[in-house]
Amino acid sequence: MTSDNLAEFAKKLNNSQDYRVLTRYKKPSFYNQDDGGPKLIGVFLDIEATGLSYDQDKLIELGMVKFEYDSTGKIFRILNEFNAYQDPHMPIPEFITSLTGITDDMVTGKTINSSAVSQFLDGVDLMVAHNAQFDRVFFEKTFPNISAKPWACSMFDIDWRNEQIESYKLEYIAYKYNFFYEGHRAINDCLVGIHILSQTLYNSKSLALKCQCQLEMDQ
């Protein structure tokens, strides 16, 4: 059976109103064709850590994905990716390994070069994370000398409940937009975060990233 056949079956099932078919996330070549207008550069960032305590836990993985967008919230190309591990100099709790797949062996002796991170962020207009209050604190604690950038939060800067989406979790939002993915790995979460920001919100009918753009322009 070809992929075209499967796509046709999925379309019929979704149109029946008795079934809902989810498709696996696939990284697109682009979201919108270049319209010749001015572009901004955003970075979707995701951090994996040994736990939730800013005082006791440590960053173990940093993922960042650059993307082009404009002031209306329209996303164009996905650009460069950055992914690196960091040795927390403490055992990774079993539940974190179970959740993320990151083991002690994967991070032992690894260090994230702060100069490489700073270079990657050069020229970036906006940093976005899903639950930025978590990612931002770990990021700024780990890289205190990197120049501050405007931040936005795809979890709380969008009123998801008012958009017929009852949970803030990235996996649930993906489900509501009819796709699924393998979560809790930094780059995967970044790419999916960008994909969600490219969507049109159900009630307001505006682009999800538009809320983030407005926040950046207000700062």
N, C-alpha and C. Protein backbone atom coordinates (compact mmCIF):
# COMPACT_ATOMS: atom_id res chain seq x y z
N MET A 1 0.85 -1.20 0.00
CA MET A 1 0.00 0.00 0.00
C MET A 1 0.89 1.25 0.00
N THR A 2 0.62 2.18 -0.87
CA THR A 2 1.45 3.38 -1.00
C THR A 2 1.05 4.44 0.02
N SER A 3 1.93 5.42 0.20
CA SER A 3 1.64 6.52 1.12
C SER A 3 0.44 7.33 0.63
N ASP A 4 0.26 7.41 -0.69
CA ASP A 4 -0.91 8.13 -1.22
C ASP A 4 -2.20 7.42 -0.83
N ASN A 5 -2.20 6.07 -0.89
CA ASN A 5 -3.37 5.30 -0.47
C ASN A 5 -3.67 5.53 1.00
N LEU A 6 -2.62 5.50 1.82
CA LEU A 6 -2.81 5.71 3.25
C LEU A 6 -3.36 7.10 3.54
N ALA A 7 -2.83 8.10 2.83
CA ALA A 7 -3.31 9.46 3.01
C ALA A 7 -4.79 9.58 2.64
N GLU A 8 -5.19 8.89 1.59
CA GLU A 8 -6.59 8.93 1.16
C GLU A 8 -7.49 8.25 2.19
N PHE A 9 -7.04 7.11 2.74
CA PHE A 9 -7.81 6.44 3.78
C PHE A 9 -7.94 7.33 5.01
N ALA A 10 -6.84 7.98 5.40
CA ALA A 10 -6.87 8.86 6.56
C ALA A 10 -7.85 10.01 6.36
N LYS A 11 -7.86 10.57 5.15
CA LYS A 11 -8.78 11.66 4.84
C LYS A 11 -10.23 11.21 4.95
N LYS A 12 -10.52 10.02 4.45
CA LYS A 12 -11.88 9.50 4.51
C LYS A 12 -12.30 9.24 5.96
N LEU A 13 -11.39 8.69 6.75
CA LEU A 13 -11.71 8.43 8.16
C LEU A 13 -11.97 9.73 8.91
N ASN A 14 -11.14 10.73 8.68
CA ASN A 14 -11.34 12.02 9.36
C ASN A 14 -12.64 12.67 8.93
N ASN A 15 -13.01 12.53 7.66
CA ASN A 15 -14.25 13.12 7.15
C ASN A 15 -15.50 12.39 7.64
N SER A 16 -15.32 11.16 8.16
CA SER A 16 -16.48 10.39 8.60
C SER A 16 -17.07 10.89 9.90
N GLN A 17 -16.29 11.67 10.68
CA GLN A 17 -16.67 12.19 11.99
C GLN A 17 -16.76 11.11 13.07
N ASP A 18 -16.47 9.87 12.72
CA ASP A 18 -16.43 8.79 13.70
C ASP A 18 -15.01 8.39 14.06
N TYR A 19 -14.05 8.90 13.33
CA TYR A 19 -12.65 8.56 13.56
C TYR A 19 -11.81 9.83 13.51
N ARG A 20 -10.65 9.73 14.17
CA ARG A 20 -9.69 10.81 14.08
C ARG A 20 -8.32 10.19 13.87
N VAL A 21 -7.66 10.54 12.78
CA VAL A 21 -6.38 9.96 12.43
C VAL A 21 -5.28 10.99 12.66
N LEU A 22 -4.26 10.61 13.42
CA LEU A 22 -3.11 11.48 13.65
C LEU A 22 -1.98 11.09 12.70
N THR A 23 -1.26 12.07 12.22
CA THR A 23 -0.11 11.80 11.36
C THR A 23 1.18 12.13 12.11
N ARG A 24 2.26 11.41 11.78
CA ARG A 24 3.55 11.66 12.41
C ARG A 24 4.12 12.98 11.91
N TYR A 25 4.69 13.76 12.84
CA TYR A 25 5.32 15.03 12.45
C TYR A 25 6.48 14.77 11.49
N LYS A 26 6.52 15.55 10.42
CA LYS A 26 7.65 15.53 9.50
C LYS A 26 8.13 16.97 9.30
N LYS A 27 9.42 17.15 9.44
CA LYS A 27 9.99 18.49 9.30
C LYS A 27 9.76 19.02 7.89
N PRO A 28 9.09 20.16 7.76
CA PRO A 28 8.80 20.69 6.41
C PRO A 28 10.01 21.42 5.83
N SER A 29 10.04 21.52 4.53
CA SER A 29 11.10 22.30 3.87
C SER A 29 10.94 23.78 4.19
N PHE A 30 9.71 24.25 4.26
CA PHE A 30 9.40 25.63 4.62
C PHE A 30 7.91 25.69 4.96
N TYR A 31 7.49 26.78 5.60
CA TYR A 31 6.07 26.96 5.93
C TYR A 31 5.39 27.92 4.96
N ASN A 32 6.08 28.99 4.59
CA ASN A 32 5.54 29.94 3.63
C ASN A 32 6.65 30.36 2.67
N GLN A 33 6.28 30.61 1.43
CA GLN A 33 7.24 31.10 0.46
C GLN A 33 7.69 32.51 0.84
N ASP A 34 8.94 32.81 0.56
CA ASP A 34 9.47 34.14 0.84
C ASP A 34 8.69 35.18 0.05
N ASP A 35 8.13 36.15 0.76
CA ASP A 35 7.34 37.19 0.10
C ASP A 35 8.13 38.46 -0.14
N GLY A 36 9.43 38.42 0.16
CA GLY A 36 10.28 39.59 -0.08
C GLY A 36 10.24 40.62 1.03
N GLY A 37 9.40 40.43 2.03
CA GLY A 37 9.29 41.38 3.12
C GLY A 37 10.38 41.20 4.16
N PRO A 38 10.46 42.14 5.11
CA PRO A 38 11.49 42.04 6.16
C PRO A 38 11.26 40.81 7.04
N LYS A 39 12.36 40.17 7.43
CA LYS A 39 12.29 38.95 8.23
C LYS A 39 12.96 39.17 9.59
N LEU A 40 12.47 38.46 10.57
CA LEU A 40 13.07 38.40 11.88
C LEU A 40 13.57 36.97 12.10
N ILE A 41 14.46 36.80 13.06
CA ILE A 41 14.98 35.47 13.37
C ILE A 41 14.57 35.10 14.79
N GLY A 42 13.90 33.97 14.90
CA GLY A 42 13.52 33.44 16.19
C GLY A 42 14.30 32.17 16.50
N VAL A 43 14.37 31.82 17.76
CA VAL A 43 14.95 30.55 18.19
C VAL A 43 13.96 29.89 19.13
N PHE A 44 13.58 28.67 18.81
CA PHE A 44 12.81 27.86 19.76
C PHE A 44 13.83 27.04 20.54
N LEU A 45 13.73 27.12 21.86
CA LEU A 45 14.72 26.51 22.74
C LEU A 45 14.06 25.50 23.66
N ASP A 46 14.76 24.40 23.91
CA ASP A 46 14.26 23.41 24.87
C ASP A 46 15.42 22.87 25.68
N ILE A 47 15.19 22.72 26.97
CA ILE A 47 16.21 22.24 27.89
C ILE A 47 15.71 20.99 28.59
N GLU A 48 16.59 20.01 28.70
CA GLU A 48 16.33 18.86 29.57
C GLU A 48 17.27 19.00 30.76
N ALA A 49 16.76 18.70 31.95
CA ALA A 49 17.53 18.86 33.18
C ALA A 49 17.34 17.64 34.08
N THR A 50 18.14 17.58 35.14
CA THR A 50 18.06 16.45 36.07
C THR A 50 16.82 16.51 36.95
N GLY A 51 16.12 17.63 36.92
CA GLY A 51 14.90 17.79 37.72
C GLY A 51 14.37 19.20 37.57
N LEU A 52 13.50 19.59 38.49
CA LEU A 52 12.81 20.88 38.38
C LEU A 52 13.37 21.96 39.29
N SER A 53 14.30 21.61 40.17
CA SER A 53 14.83 22.57 41.13
C SER A 53 15.94 23.40 40.50
N TYR A 54 15.73 24.72 40.45
CA TYR A 54 16.74 25.60 39.89
C TYR A 54 18.01 25.63 40.74
N ASP A 55 17.87 25.37 42.03
CA ASP A 55 19.01 25.43 42.94
C ASP A 55 19.82 24.13 42.96
N GLN A 56 19.14 22.99 42.83
CA GLN A 56 19.83 21.71 42.99
C GLN A 56 20.06 20.96 41.68
N ASP A 57 19.20 21.15 40.71
CA ASP A 57 19.30 20.38 39.47
C ASP A 57 20.13 21.11 38.42
N LYS A 58 20.54 20.34 37.40
CA LYS A 58 21.44 20.86 36.38
C LYS A 58 20.92 20.57 34.98
N LEU A 59 21.27 21.44 34.06
CA LEU A 59 20.97 21.24 32.64
C LEU A 59 21.79 20.06 32.12
N ILE A 60 21.15 19.18 31.33
CA ILE A 60 21.87 18.06 30.72
C ILE A 60 21.79 18.06 29.18
N GLU A 61 20.82 18.75 28.61
CA GLU A 61 20.73 18.85 27.15
C GLU A 61 20.15 20.19 26.77
N LEU A 62 20.73 20.79 25.75
CA LEU A 62 20.22 22.05 25.20
C LEU A 62 19.95 21.86 23.72
N GLY A 63 18.75 22.19 23.31
CA GLY A 63 18.40 22.15 21.90
C GLY A 63 17.87 23.52 21.47
N MET A 64 18.29 23.99 20.32
CA MET A 64 17.80 25.26 19.78
C MET A 64 17.63 25.12 18.28
N VAL A 65 16.55 25.69 17.77
CA VAL A 65 16.29 25.68 16.33
C VAL A 65 15.92 27.10 15.90
N LYS A 66 16.64 27.62 14.91
CA LYS A 66 16.35 28.95 14.37
C LYS A 66 15.27 28.86 13.30
N PHE A 67 14.49 29.93 13.20
CA PHE A 67 13.49 30.00 12.14
C PHE A 67 13.26 31.46 11.75
N GLU A 68 12.80 31.65 10.52
CA GLU A 68 12.46 32.97 10.00
C GLU A 68 10.98 33.25 10.24
N TYR A 69 10.68 34.49 10.58
CA TYR A 69 9.27 34.88 10.71
C TYR A 69 9.15 36.37 10.44
N ASP A 70 7.92 36.86 10.34
CA ASP A 70 7.73 38.30 10.18
C ASP A 70 6.81 38.83 11.29
N SER A 71 6.55 40.12 11.26
CA SER A 71 5.81 40.76 12.34
C SER A 71 4.34 40.36 12.40
N THR A 72 3.84 39.67 11.38
CA THR A 72 2.46 39.19 11.41
C THR A 72 2.35 37.81 12.05
N GLY A 73 3.49 37.19 12.36
CA GLY A 73 3.48 35.85 12.92
C GLY A 73 3.63 34.75 11.90
N LYS A 74 3.85 35.10 10.65
CA LYS A 74 4.01 34.10 9.60
C LYS A 74 5.43 33.54 9.66
N ILE A 75 5.54 32.20 9.65
CA ILE A 75 6.84 31.53 9.68
C ILE A 75 7.23 31.14 8.26
N PHE A 76 8.51 31.31 7.95
CA PHE A 76 9.02 30.97 6.62
C PHE A 76 9.90 29.73 6.70
N ARG A 77 11.20 29.88 6.73
CA ARG A 77 12.09 28.71 6.74
C ARG A 77 12.52 28.33 8.15
N ILE A 78 12.76 27.04 8.35
CA ILE A 78 13.50 26.57 9.51
C ILE A 78 14.98 26.63 9.13
N LEU A 79 15.79 27.20 10.03
CA LEU A 79 17.19 27.42 9.73
C LEU A 79 18.08 26.42 10.49
N ASN A 80 19.09 26.90 11.17
CA ASN A 80 20.08 26.02 11.80
C ASN A 80 19.55 25.39 13.09
N GLU A 81 20.19 24.26 13.46
CA GLU A 81 19.90 23.58 14.72
C GLU A 81 21.16 23.53 15.58
N PHE A 82 20.96 23.57 16.88
CA PHE A 82 22.06 23.42 17.84
C PHE A 82 21.62 22.42 18.89
N ASN A 83 22.45 21.39 19.11
CA ASN A 83 22.10 20.38 20.11
C ASN A 83 23.38 19.92 20.81
N ALA A 84 23.37 19.93 22.14
CA ALA A 84 24.57 19.53 22.89
C ALA A 84 24.18 19.03 24.27
N TYR A 85 25.05 18.16 24.81
CA TYR A 85 24.86 17.62 26.16
C TYR A 85 25.83 18.28 27.13
N GLN A 86 25.44 18.24 28.41
CA GLN A 86 26.28 18.78 29.47
C GLN A 86 26.31 17.81 30.64
N ASP A 87 27.52 17.54 31.13
CA ASP A 87 27.69 16.67 32.30
C ASP A 87 27.24 17.42 33.55
N PRO A 88 26.22 16.91 34.26
CA PRO A 88 25.74 17.62 35.46
C PRO A 88 26.58 17.32 36.69
N HIS A 89 27.53 16.39 36.57
CA HIS A 89 28.37 15.97 37.69
C HIS A 89 27.53 15.47 38.86
N MET A 90 26.47 14.79 38.50
CA MET A 90 25.60 14.11 39.45
C MET A 90 24.85 13.04 38.66
N PRO A 91 24.44 11.96 39.31
CA PRO A 91 23.70 10.92 38.58
C PRO A 91 22.37 11.46 38.05
N ILE A 92 22.03 11.08 36.82
CA ILE A 92 20.73 11.45 36.26
C ILE A 92 19.68 10.54 36.90
N PRO A 93 18.65 11.11 37.52
CA PRO A 93 17.61 10.27 38.14
C PRO A 93 16.99 9.31 37.13
N GLU A 94 16.61 8.15 37.62
CA GLU A 94 16.05 7.11 36.74
C GLU A 94 14.83 7.59 35.99
N PHE A 95 13.97 8.37 36.66
CA PHE A 95 12.75 8.82 35.99
C PHE A 95 13.05 9.81 34.88
N ILE A 96 14.15 10.58 35.00
CA ILE A 96 14.55 11.50 33.93
C ILE A 96 15.07 10.71 32.73
N THR A 97 15.86 9.68 33.00
CA THR A 97 16.32 8.82 31.90
C THR A 97 15.15 8.14 31.22
N SER A 98 14.18 7.68 32.01
CA SER A 98 13.00 7.03 31.44
C SER A 98 12.20 8.01 30.59
N LEU A 99 12.12 9.26 31.02
CA LEU A 99 11.34 10.28 30.32
C LEU A 99 12.04 10.76 29.05
N THR A 100 13.35 10.98 29.13
CA THR A 100 14.07 11.63 28.04
C THR A 100 14.94 10.69 27.21
N GLY A 101 15.29 9.54 27.78
CA GLY A 101 16.22 8.64 27.09
C GLY A 101 17.68 9.02 27.29
N ILE A 102 17.94 10.07 28.07
CA ILE A 102 19.31 10.53 28.30
C ILE A 102 19.91 9.77 29.48
N THR A 103 21.06 9.14 29.25
CA THR A 103 21.72 8.34 30.28
C THR A 103 22.99 9.05 30.78
N ASP A 104 23.53 8.56 31.88
CA ASP A 104 24.78 9.11 32.41
C ASP A 104 25.90 8.99 31.37
N ASP A 105 25.95 7.87 30.66
CA ASP A 105 27.01 7.65 29.67
C ASP A 105 26.96 8.69 28.55
N MET A 106 25.76 9.16 28.22
CA MET A 106 25.62 10.11 27.12
C MET A 106 26.16 11.50 27.48
N VAL A 107 26.20 11.83 28.76
CA VAL A 107 26.60 13.18 29.16
C VAL A 107 27.95 13.25 29.85
N THR A 108 28.49 12.10 30.25
CA THR A 108 29.75 12.10 31.00
C THR A 108 30.87 12.78 30.20
N GLY A 109 31.48 13.77 30.83
CA GLY A 109 32.59 14.49 30.20
C GLY A 109 32.19 15.54 29.18
N LYS A 110 30.89 15.71 28.95
CA LYS A 110 30.42 16.67 27.94
C LYS A 110 30.26 18.07 28.55
N THR A 111 30.62 19.08 27.78
CA THR A 111 30.45 20.48 28.19
C THR A 111 29.90 21.26 27.01
N ILE A 112 28.91 22.09 27.27
CA ILE A 112 28.36 22.95 26.22
C ILE A 112 29.19 24.23 26.17
N ASN A 113 29.76 24.52 25.02
CA ASN A 113 30.62 25.68 24.84
C ASN A 113 29.77 26.95 24.82
N SER A 114 29.96 27.80 25.81
CA SER A 114 29.14 29.01 25.91
C SER A 114 29.39 29.96 24.74
N SER A 115 30.62 29.96 24.20
CA SER A 115 30.91 30.81 23.04
C SER A 115 30.14 30.34 21.81
N ALA A 116 30.00 29.01 21.67
CA ALA A 116 29.23 28.47 20.55
C ALA A 116 27.75 28.83 20.68
N VAL A 117 27.25 28.80 21.92
CA VAL A 117 25.85 29.17 22.16
C VAL A 117 25.65 30.65 21.83
N SER A 118 26.56 31.49 22.30
CA SER A 118 26.47 32.93 22.04
C SER A 118 26.52 33.23 20.55
N GLN A 119 27.41 32.53 19.84
CA GLN A 119 27.52 32.73 18.39
C GLN A 119 26.24 32.30 17.69
N PHE A 120 25.65 31.20 18.13
CA PHE A 120 24.41 30.72 17.52
C PHE A 120 23.29 31.74 17.69
N LEU A 121 23.29 32.44 18.82
CA LEU A 121 22.22 33.40 19.12
C LEU A 121 22.48 34.80 18.56
N ASP A 122 23.63 35.00 17.94
CA ASP A 122 23.94 36.30 17.37
C ASP A 122 22.92 36.65 16.28
N GLY A 123 22.33 37.82 16.38
CA GLY A 123 21.35 38.28 15.40
C GLY A 123 19.94 37.77 15.62
N VAL A 124 19.72 37.04 16.70
CA VAL A 124 18.39 36.51 16.99
C VAL A 124 17.53 37.59 17.63
N ASP A 125 16.28 37.69 17.19
CA ASP A 125 15.36 38.71 17.69
C ASP A 125 14.50 38.24 18.85
N LEU A 126 14.22 36.94 18.91
CA LEU A 126 13.27 36.43 19.91
C LEU A 126 13.61 34.99 20.25
N MET A 127 13.57 34.67 21.54
CA MET A 127 13.73 33.30 22.00
C MET A 127 12.39 32.82 22.54
N VAL A 128 11.99 31.62 22.14
CA VAL A 128 10.70 31.06 22.53
C VAL A 128 10.94 29.69 23.17
N ALA A 129 10.21 29.43 24.23
CA ALA A 129 10.25 28.10 24.85
C ALA A 129 8.85 27.74 25.31
N HIS A 130 8.59 26.45 25.41
CA HIS A 130 7.30 25.99 25.93
C HIS A 130 7.47 25.81 27.43
N ASN A 131 6.95 26.77 28.18
CA ASN A 131 7.20 26.96 29.61
C ASN A 131 8.54 27.64 29.79
N ALA A 132 8.62 28.86 29.30
CA ALA A 132 9.87 29.63 29.32
C ALA A 132 10.36 29.91 30.73
N GLN A 133 9.46 29.95 31.71
CA GLN A 133 9.92 30.22 33.07
C GLN A 133 10.84 29.11 33.58
N PHE A 134 10.69 27.90 33.05
CA PHE A 134 11.60 26.80 33.37
C PHE A 134 12.88 26.90 32.56
N ASP A 135 12.74 26.94 31.23
CA ASP A 135 13.90 26.92 30.35
C ASP A 135 14.78 28.16 30.52
N ARG A 136 14.15 29.31 30.71
CA ARG A 136 14.94 30.54 30.79
C ARG A 136 15.82 30.55 32.03
N VAL A 137 15.28 30.13 33.17
CA VAL A 137 16.08 30.13 34.40
C VAL A 137 17.28 29.20 34.28
N PHE A 138 17.06 27.97 33.78
CA PHE A 138 18.17 27.04 33.61
C PHE A 138 19.18 27.57 32.59
N PHE A 139 18.68 28.18 31.51
CA PHE A 139 19.57 28.71 30.48
C PHE A 139 20.43 29.83 31.05
N GLU A 140 19.82 30.79 31.71
CA GLU A 140 20.56 31.95 32.22
C GLU A 140 21.47 31.58 33.38
N LYS A 141 21.10 30.56 34.14
CA LYS A 141 21.97 30.09 35.21
C LYS A 141 23.20 29.39 34.64
N THR A 142 23.01 28.64 33.56
CA THR A 142 24.11 27.90 32.94
C THR A 142 25.01 28.80 32.11
N PHE A 143 24.42 29.82 31.47
CA PHE A 143 25.18 30.72 30.58
C PHE A 143 24.98 32.17 31.03
N PRO A 144 25.49 32.55 32.21
CA PRO A 144 25.21 33.88 32.76
C PRO A 144 25.82 35.03 31.96
N ASN A 145 26.82 34.75 31.13
CA ASN A 145 27.51 35.83 30.41
C ASN A 145 26.97 36.08 29.01
N ILE A 146 25.95 35.31 28.60
CA ILE A 146 25.37 35.52 27.27
C ILE A 146 24.38 36.68 27.32
N SER A 147 24.49 37.57 26.36
CA SER A 147 23.64 38.77 26.34
C SER A 147 22.17 38.39 26.34
N ALA A 148 21.39 39.15 27.10
CA ALA A 148 19.95 38.87 27.24
C ALA A 148 19.23 39.13 25.92
N LYS A 149 18.22 38.31 25.67
CA LYS A 149 17.35 38.45 24.49
C LYS A 149 15.90 38.52 24.99
N PRO A 150 15.00 39.07 24.18
CA PRO A 150 13.57 38.98 24.52
C PRO A 150 13.13 37.52 24.50
N TRP A 151 12.28 37.15 25.46
CA TRP A 151 11.76 35.79 25.55
C TRP A 151 10.24 35.80 25.39
N ALA A 152 9.73 34.71 24.87
CA ALA A 152 8.28 34.49 24.80
C ALA A 152 8.01 33.05 25.21
N CYS A 153 6.79 32.80 25.62
CA CYS A 153 6.42 31.47 26.12
C CYS A 153 5.22 30.94 25.34
N SER A 154 5.44 29.84 24.61
CA SER A 154 4.34 29.26 23.83
C SER A 154 3.33 28.55 24.71
N MET A 155 3.66 28.35 25.98
CA MET A 155 2.70 27.72 26.89
C MET A 155 1.71 28.73 27.47
N PHE A 156 2.24 29.88 27.94
CA PHE A 156 1.39 30.81 28.68
C PHE A 156 1.07 32.11 27.94
N ASP A 157 1.80 32.45 26.88
CA ASP A 157 1.50 33.68 26.15
C ASP A 157 0.32 33.51 25.20
N ILE A 158 -0.10 32.28 25.01
CA ILE A 158 -1.28 31.99 24.18
C ILE A 158 -2.37 31.45 25.10
N ASP A 159 -3.57 31.97 24.98
CA ASP A 159 -4.69 31.51 25.81
C ASP A 159 -5.27 30.24 25.17
N TRP A 160 -4.60 29.12 25.40
CA TRP A 160 -4.98 27.87 24.75
C TRP A 160 -6.40 27.44 25.10
N ARG A 161 -6.81 27.64 26.34
CA ARG A 161 -8.17 27.22 26.73
C ARG A 161 -9.22 27.99 25.95
N ASN A 162 -8.94 29.24 25.68
CA ASN A 162 -9.88 30.04 24.89
C ASN A 162 -9.85 29.65 23.42
N GLU A 163 -8.87 28.83 23.04
CA GLU A 163 -8.75 28.36 21.65
C GLU A 163 -9.19 26.90 21.52
N GLN A 164 -10.01 26.42 22.47
CA GLN A 164 -10.57 25.07 22.45
C GLN A 164 -9.52 23.99 22.71
N ILE A 165 -8.44 24.36 23.37
CA ILE A 165 -7.38 23.40 23.71
C ILE A 165 -7.24 23.40 25.22
N GLU A 166 -7.59 22.29 25.85
CA GLU A 166 -7.79 22.24 27.30
C GLU A 166 -6.53 22.00 28.10
N SER A 167 -5.42 21.64 27.45
CA SER A 167 -4.18 21.37 28.16
C SER A 167 -3.05 22.16 27.53
N TYR A 168 -2.09 22.59 28.37
CA TYR A 168 -0.94 23.33 27.87
C TYR A 168 0.17 22.41 27.38
N LYS A 169 0.07 21.10 27.61
CA LYS A 169 1.15 20.20 27.26
C LYS A 169 1.37 20.17 25.75
N LEU A 170 2.65 20.16 25.36
CA LEU A 170 2.99 20.19 23.94
C LEU A 170 2.39 18.99 23.20
N GLU A 171 2.45 17.80 23.83
CA GLU A 171 1.91 16.60 23.18
C GLU A 171 0.41 16.71 22.95
N TYR A 172 -0.30 17.35 23.90
CA TYR A 172 -1.75 17.47 23.75
C TYR A 172 -2.09 18.50 22.66
N ILE A 173 -1.35 19.60 22.64
CA ILE A 173 -1.60 20.60 21.59
C ILE A 173 -1.35 19.99 20.21
N ALA A 174 -0.29 19.19 20.11
CA ALA A 174 -0.01 18.49 18.85
C ALA A 174 -1.18 17.59 18.47
N TYR A 175 -1.71 16.86 19.44
CA TYR A 175 -2.86 15.98 19.19
C TYR A 175 -4.05 16.78 18.66
N LYS A 176 -4.29 17.95 19.24
CA LYS A 176 -5.43 18.77 18.79
C LYS A 176 -5.23 19.28 17.37
N TYR A 177 -3.97 19.34 16.93
CA TYR A 177 -3.69 19.73 15.55
C TYR A 177 -3.39 18.52 14.68
N ASN A 178 -3.82 17.34 15.17
CA ASN A 178 -3.85 16.11 14.36
C ASN A 178 -2.48 15.55 13.99
N PHE A 179 -1.48 15.71 14.88
CA PHE A 179 -0.21 15.04 14.62
C PHE A 179 0.40 14.57 15.94
N PHE A 180 1.38 13.69 15.83
CA PHE A 180 2.08 13.18 17.01
C PHE A 180 3.57 13.15 16.73
N TYR A 181 4.36 12.98 17.79
CA TYR A 181 5.82 12.98 17.66
C TYR A 181 6.43 12.31 18.88
N GLU A 182 7.74 12.05 18.83
CA GLU A 182 8.46 11.49 19.96
C GLU A 182 8.98 12.65 20.80
N GLY A 183 8.42 12.84 21.98
CA GLY A 183 8.72 14.01 22.79
C GLY A 183 9.85 13.80 23.78
N HIS A 184 10.13 14.89 24.51
CA HIS A 184 11.13 14.93 25.57
C HIS A 184 12.55 14.67 25.07
N ARG A 185 12.82 15.04 23.83
CA ARG A 185 14.17 15.22 23.34
C ARG A 185 14.22 16.63 22.79
N ALA A 186 15.29 17.34 23.11
CA ALA A 186 15.30 18.79 22.93
C ALA A 186 14.99 19.24 21.52
N ILE A 187 15.68 18.69 20.52
CA ILE A 187 15.47 19.15 19.14
C ILE A 187 14.06 18.80 18.67
N ASN A 188 13.58 17.61 18.98
CA ASN A 188 12.22 17.24 18.60
C ASN A 188 11.21 18.22 19.16
N ASP A 189 11.36 18.56 20.44
CA ASP A 189 10.42 19.49 21.07
C ASP A 189 10.50 20.87 20.43
N CYS A 190 11.70 21.30 20.04
CA CYS A 190 11.86 22.59 19.38
C CYS A 190 11.15 22.62 18.03
N LEU A 191 11.39 21.59 17.23
CA LEU A 191 10.77 21.54 15.90
C LEU A 191 9.25 21.49 16.00
N VAL A 192 8.75 20.72 16.95
CA VAL A 192 7.30 20.64 17.13
C VAL A 192 6.75 21.95 17.66
N GLY A 193 7.51 22.62 18.53
CA GLY A 193 7.08 23.93 19.02
C GLY A 193 6.92 24.92 17.89
N ILE A 194 7.88 24.94 16.96
CA ILE A 194 7.77 25.82 15.79
C ILE A 194 6.57 25.43 14.94
N HIS A 195 6.36 24.13 14.77
CA HIS A 195 5.23 23.65 13.97
C HIS A 195 3.90 24.13 14.57
N ILE A 196 3.80 24.08 15.87
CA ILE A 196 2.57 24.54 16.54
C ILE A 196 2.41 26.05 16.38
N LEU A 197 3.51 26.80 16.48
CA LEU A 197 3.43 28.25 16.32
C LEU A 197 3.04 28.65 14.90
N SER A 198 3.18 27.74 13.95
CA SER A 198 2.78 28.04 12.56
C SER A 198 1.28 27.85 12.34
N GLN A 199 0.59 27.27 13.32
CA GLN A 199 -0.82 26.93 13.14
C GLN A 199 -1.74 28.14 13.33
N THR A 200 -2.93 28.04 12.77
CA THR A 200 -3.98 29.04 12.98
C THR A 200 -4.80 28.63 14.20
N LEU A 201 -4.97 29.54 15.14
CA LEU A 201 -5.72 29.24 16.35
C LEU A 201 -7.20 29.07 16.03
N TYR A 202 -7.86 28.18 16.77
CA TYR A 202 -9.22 27.77 16.43
C TYR A 202 -10.26 28.88 16.57
N ASN A 203 -10.23 29.63 17.65
CA ASN A 203 -11.26 30.65 17.87
C ASN A 203 -10.89 32.01 17.30
N SER A 204 -9.70 32.48 17.62
CA SER A 204 -9.30 33.82 17.18
C SER A 204 -8.93 33.86 15.70
N LYS A 205 -8.63 32.68 15.13
CA LYS A 205 -8.24 32.55 13.72
C LYS A 205 -6.95 33.30 13.38
N SER A 206 -6.18 33.64 14.39
CA SER A 206 -4.88 34.27 14.14
C SER A 206 -3.78 33.23 14.22
N LEU A 207 -2.63 33.55 13.68
CA LEU A 207 -1.50 32.64 13.75
C LEU A 207 -0.98 32.57 15.19
N ALA A 208 -0.62 31.37 15.62
CA ALA A 208 -0.19 31.20 17.01
C ALA A 208 1.02 32.06 17.33
N LEU A 209 1.95 32.22 16.39
CA LEU A 209 3.15 33.01 16.66
C LEU A 209 2.85 34.50 16.80
N LYS A 210 1.69 34.95 16.33
CA LYS A 210 1.37 36.38 16.39
C LYS A 210 1.43 36.90 17.81
N CYS A 211 1.00 36.09 18.78
CA CYS A 211 1.07 36.48 20.19
C CYS A 211 2.51 36.71 20.61
N GLN A 212 3.43 35.85 20.15
CA GLN A 212 4.83 35.97 20.49
C GLN A 212 5.44 37.21 19.83
N CYS A 213 5.05 37.49 18.58
CA CYS A 213 5.56 38.66 17.87
C CYS A 213 5.16 39.94 18.60
N GLN A 214 3.93 40.01 19.04
CA GLN A 214 3.44 41.19 19.73
C GLN A 214 4.21 41.40 21.03
N LEU A 215 4.49 40.30 21.73
CA LEU A 215 5.25 40.40 22.97
C LEU A 215 6.63 40.97 22.69
N GLU A 216 7.29 40.51 21.63
CA GLU A 216 8.62 40.97 21.30
C GLU A 216 8.61 42.45 20.94
N MET A 217 7.59 42.89 20.21
CA MET A 217 7.53 44.28 19.78
C MET A 217 7.23 45.20 20.97
N ASP A 218 6.56 44.66 22.03
CA ASP A 218 6.23 45.47 23.20
C ASP A 218 7.42 45.67 24.12
N GLN A 219 8.46 44.84 23.97
CA GLN A 219 9.60 44.92 24.89
C GLN A 219 10.57 46.01 24.45
